[in-house]
Amino acid sequence: MIGLRARVDEVAALGAHCDDIAIGAGGTLLTLATARPGLRVRALVLSGTDTGREIEERHALAALCPDADLEVTVLDVPDGHAPAYWDPIKNALAAFRSTVAPDVVFAPQHDDAHQDHRLLAELVPTVFRDHLVLGYEVLKWETDTPRPTVFHPITSKVAEEKARILLKHYPSQTDHDWFDERAFLGLSRLRGVQCHHPYAEAFVIEKATLTFQGV
């Protein structure tokens, strides 16, 4: 197993819906924010503005990014209809891009079965053209679990805290039979097995460059 290390001062996190970012990269955000007080986290979510879902999202991301410089923007794209809003979404992403300078970008993985996630995954690399984009997986009932190529180990404490935060701050989702502690910990444990760690979050990467020390 080969490890790569990078300094992260600013993160951009993008989601189609409130809870996508927390499900896909919550453990990683919690790890980064805890290790680097003052970490800049800029989040953009396509749908949910002025609803209870937006309140859930703000509380959850605040819990996952303790002591971070956190800004959350939630838009009003109708859930399930993102492809019909291609132009507004592309413009919103471009506007968001002009305000951030992230070291890493978290977004949905490109083979996600949900059309809103998939559209966002397709558009992000067209806006963040020179950035490291890590595609996260969103656990749900569709059988679209990817074959990830990048793993971020997290501790058992972080995995458990992520699950606790998800259940506490997204009460609107707890009626889904997949939205429970066992499911979240089970996926984190599986990804941990695949990288020789107790728990992990996994990502899909399409393109990256390497700079070796001293070269």
Protein backbone atom coordinates (compact mmCIF):
# COMPACT_ATOMS: atom_id res chain seq x y z
CA MET A 1 0.00 0.00 0.00
CA ILE A 2 1.51 3.31 -1.14
CA GLY A 3 0.68 6.44 0.82
CA LEU A 4 0.66 9.99 -0.53
CA ARG A 5 0.77 13.03 1.72
CA ALA A 6 -0.45 16.55 0.97
CA ARG A 7 -0.91 19.72 2.98
CA VAL A 8 -4.51 20.92 2.99
CA ASP A 9 -5.41 24.48 3.99
CA GLU A 10 -8.67 24.86 2.07
CA VAL A 11 -11.33 22.39 1.02
CA ALA A 12 -14.20 22.75 -1.45
CA ALA A 13 -17.07 20.33 -0.88
CA LEU A 14 -19.92 20.00 -3.34
CA GLY A 15 -23.15 18.10 -3.02
CA ALA A 16 -26.35 17.75 -4.99
CA HIS A 17 -28.44 17.39 -1.83
CA CYS A 18 -28.17 18.20 1.83
CA ASP A 19 -26.43 15.18 3.44
CA ASP A 20 -24.41 14.07 0.34
CA ILE A 21 -21.19 15.71 1.55
CA ALA A 22 -21.58 14.40 5.08
CA ILE A 23 -22.29 10.85 3.91
CA GLY A 24 -19.51 10.78 1.32
CA ALA A 25 -16.72 12.69 3.04
CA GLY A 26 -17.85 13.41 6.60
CA GLY A 27 -15.14 11.34 8.25
CA THR A 28 -12.44 12.92 6.13
CA LEU A 29 -13.71 16.44 6.85
CA LEU A 30 -13.84 15.68 10.57
CA THR A 31 -10.28 14.34 10.50
CA LEU A 32 -8.94 17.33 8.56
CA ALA A 33 -10.77 19.94 10.61
CA THR A 34 -9.70 18.40 13.90
CA ALA A 35 -6.06 18.25 12.81
CA ARG A 36 -6.02 21.78 11.36
CA PRO A 37 -7.98 24.36 13.38
CA GLY A 38 -8.93 27.21 11.09
CA LEU A 39 -9.13 24.96 8.02
CA ARG A 40 -11.12 26.78 5.34
CA VAL A 41 -14.10 24.71 4.22
CA ARG A 42 -16.35 26.04 1.49
CA ALA A 43 -19.43 23.97 0.72
CA LEU A 44 -21.95 24.31 -2.10
CA VAL A 45 -25.17 22.28 -2.18
CA LEU A 46 -27.51 22.41 -5.15
CA SER A 47 -30.89 21.92 -3.47
CA GLY A 48 -32.67 22.59 -0.21
CA THR A 49 -32.47 26.33 0.34
CA ASP A 50 -34.95 27.82 2.82
CA THR A 51 -36.10 24.39 3.97
CA GLY A 52 -35.56 22.21 6.99
CA ARG A 53 -33.01 20.31 4.96
CA GLU A 54 -30.80 23.40 4.79
CA ILE A 55 -30.95 23.72 8.58
CA GLU A 56 -29.95 20.07 8.91
CA GLU A 57 -27.05 20.58 6.51
CA ARG A 58 -25.66 23.62 8.29
CA HIS A 59 -25.78 21.93 11.68
CA ALA A 60 -24.24 18.69 10.38
CA LEU A 61 -21.36 20.37 8.53
CA ALA A 62 -20.66 22.57 11.55
CA ALA A 63 -20.40 19.42 13.68
CA LEU A 64 -18.14 17.72 11.11
CA CYS A 65 -15.88 20.77 10.76
CA PRO A 66 -15.17 21.87 14.35
CA ASP A 67 -13.03 25.03 14.65
CA ALA A 68 -13.02 25.38 10.85
CA ASP A 69 -13.61 28.54 8.84
CA LEU A 70 -16.81 27.17 7.34
CA GLU A 71 -19.10 28.72 4.74
CA VAL A 72 -22.10 26.84 3.37
CA THR A 73 -24.15 27.88 0.33
CA VAL A 74 -27.40 26.07 -0.46
CA LEU A 75 -29.18 26.62 -3.78
CA ASP A 76 -32.78 26.04 -4.88
CA VAL A 77 -32.45 23.45 -7.69
CA PRO A 78 -35.44 21.07 -7.35
CA ASP A 79 -34.48 17.66 -6.00
CA GLY A 80 -34.38 15.11 -8.81
CA HIS A 81 -34.41 17.69 -11.61
CA ALA A 82 -30.80 18.86 -11.84
CA PRO A 83 -30.34 17.90 -15.54
CA ALA A 84 -33.08 20.39 -16.45
CA TYR A 85 -31.08 23.12 -14.68
CA TRP A 86 -27.75 22.57 -16.44
CA ASP A 87 -27.12 26.25 -17.18
CA PRO A 88 -27.94 27.61 -13.70
CA ILE A 89 -25.85 24.88 -12.07
CA LYS A 90 -22.88 25.50 -14.35
CA ASN A 91 -23.11 29.23 -13.66
CA ALA A 92 -23.38 28.64 -9.91
CA LEU A 93 -20.32 26.39 -9.98
CA ALA A 94 -18.36 29.01 -11.92
CA ALA A 95 -19.35 31.70 -9.43
CA PHE A 96 -18.40 29.44 -6.54
CA ARG A 97 -15.06 28.63 -8.17
CA SER A 98 -14.18 32.32 -8.32
CA THR A 99 -14.41 32.59 -4.53
CA VAL A 100 -12.28 29.59 -3.51
CA ALA A 101 -8.72 28.30 -3.81
CA PRO A 102 -9.01 24.71 -2.60
CA ASP A 103 -6.21 22.21 -2.19
CA VAL A 104 -8.75 19.42 -2.69
CA VAL A 105 -12.30 19.25 -4.04
CA PHE A 106 -14.84 16.69 -2.82
CA ALA A 107 -17.74 15.94 -5.17
CA PRO A 108 -19.93 12.96 -6.13
CA GLN A 109 -18.27 10.15 -8.06
CA HIS A 110 -18.99 10.13 -11.80
CA ASP A 111 -20.80 6.77 -11.94
CA ASP A 112 -23.37 7.61 -9.28
CA ALA A 113 -26.80 6.32 -10.31
CA HIS A 114 -28.69 9.40 -9.10
CA GLN A 115 -29.04 11.87 -11.95
CA ASP A 116 -28.43 14.92 -9.72
CA HIS A 117 -25.21 13.45 -8.32
CA ARG A 118 -24.04 12.36 -11.75
CA LEU A 119 -24.62 15.75 -13.37
CA LEU A 120 -22.69 17.49 -10.62
CA ALA A 121 -19.86 14.97 -10.97
CA GLU A 122 -19.70 15.69 -14.70
CA LEU A 123 -19.64 19.47 -14.27
CA VAL A 124 -17.15 19.79 -11.42
CA PRO A 125 -14.03 18.90 -13.50
CA THR A 126 -15.07 21.46 -16.14
CA VAL A 127 -14.87 24.20 -13.52
CA PHE A 128 -12.12 22.88 -11.24
CA ARG A 129 -9.82 21.99 -14.12
CA ASP A 130 -6.50 22.19 -12.28
CA HIS A 131 -7.50 20.77 -8.92
CA LEU A 132 -7.41 17.43 -7.20
CA VAL A 133 -11.03 16.25 -7.37
CA LEU A 134 -11.97 13.27 -5.21
CA GLY A 135 -15.28 11.62 -6.05
CA TYR A 136 -17.04 10.38 -2.93
CA GLU A 137 -19.60 7.59 -2.70
CA VAL A 138 -23.11 8.16 -1.40
CA LEU A 139 -24.56 5.11 0.31
CA LYS A 140 -28.16 4.50 -0.80
CA TRP A 141 -30.41 1.77 -2.16
CA GLU A 142 -29.04 1.84 -5.73
CA THR A 143 -26.32 -0.71 -6.54
CA ASP A 144 -23.87 1.93 -7.75
CA THR A 145 -21.12 1.37 -5.21
CA PRO A 146 -17.89 2.21 -7.07
CA ARG A 147 -14.52 0.48 -7.22
CA PRO A 148 -12.55 3.24 -5.49
CA THR A 149 -8.88 3.89 -6.07
CA VAL A 150 -8.09 6.33 -3.25
CA PHE A 151 -8.61 5.58 0.44
CA HIS A 152 -8.46 7.90 3.43
CA PRO A 153 -8.08 5.93 6.68
CA ILE A 154 -10.10 7.21 9.62
CA THR A 155 -10.09 6.11 13.23
CA SER A 156 -12.87 4.11 14.81
CA LYS A 157 -13.69 7.17 16.91
CA VAL A 158 -14.12 9.30 13.79
CA ALA A 159 -16.21 6.64 12.02
CA GLU A 160 -18.51 6.38 15.02
CA GLU A 161 -18.76 10.15 15.42
CA LYS A 162 -19.60 10.56 11.75
CA ALA A 163 -22.43 8.05 12.08
CA ARG A 164 -23.68 9.78 15.23
CA ILE A 165 -23.68 13.18 13.53
CA LEU A 166 -25.54 11.82 10.50
CA LEU A 167 -28.29 10.33 12.65
CA LYS A 168 -28.53 13.35 14.93
CA HIS A 169 -28.56 16.12 12.35
CA TYR A 170 -30.52 14.55 9.48
CA PRO A 171 -33.74 13.38 11.19
CA SER A 172 -35.63 13.83 7.91
CA GLN A 173 -33.68 10.89 6.46
CA THR A 174 -33.99 8.34 9.23
CA ASP A 175 -37.11 6.79 7.69
CA HIS A 176 -34.92 5.37 4.89
CA ASP A 177 -34.03 1.77 5.71
CA TRP A 178 -30.39 2.33 4.66
CA PHE A 179 -29.88 5.42 6.82
CA ASP A 180 -28.62 3.87 10.02
CA GLU A 181 -25.46 3.41 12.04
CA ARG A 182 -24.82 -0.17 10.90
CA ALA A 183 -24.90 0.81 7.24
CA PHE A 184 -22.51 3.73 7.64
CA LEU A 185 -20.08 1.85 9.85
CA GLY A 186 -20.31 -1.21 7.62
CA LEU A 187 -19.22 0.72 4.52
CA SER A 188 -16.44 2.46 6.44
CA ARG A 189 -15.25 -0.90 7.77
CA LEU A 190 -15.27 -2.41 4.27
CA ARG A 191 -13.17 0.45 2.92
CA GLY A 192 -10.86 0.06 5.88
CA VAL A 193 -10.35 -3.63 5.10
CA GLN A 194 -9.44 -2.66 1.54
CA CYS A 195 -6.59 -0.40 2.71
CA HIS A 196 -5.43 -2.31 5.81
CA HIS A 197 -6.98 0.05 8.37
CA PRO A 198 -9.87 -0.32 10.80
CA TYR A 199 -12.03 2.22 8.93
CA ALA A 200 -11.72 4.45 5.87
CA GLU A 201 -13.56 6.59 3.38
CA ALA A 202 -12.95 5.86 -0.29
CA PHE A 203 -12.87 8.05 -3.36
CA VAL A 204 -12.66 7.82 -7.14
CA ILE A 205 -10.05 9.91 -8.91
CA GLU A 206 -10.01 10.56 -12.65
CA LYS A 207 -6.77 12.46 -13.05
CA ALA A 208 -3.81 13.55 -10.91
CA THR A 209 -0.21 14.61 -11.30
CA LEU A 210 2.66 13.56 -9.06
CA THR A 211 5.59 15.69 -7.96
CA PHE A 212 8.30 13.68 -6.24
CA GLN A 213 10.45 15.35 -3.62
CA GLY A 214 13.75 16.51 -5.03
CA VAL A 215 12.63 16.22 -8.67
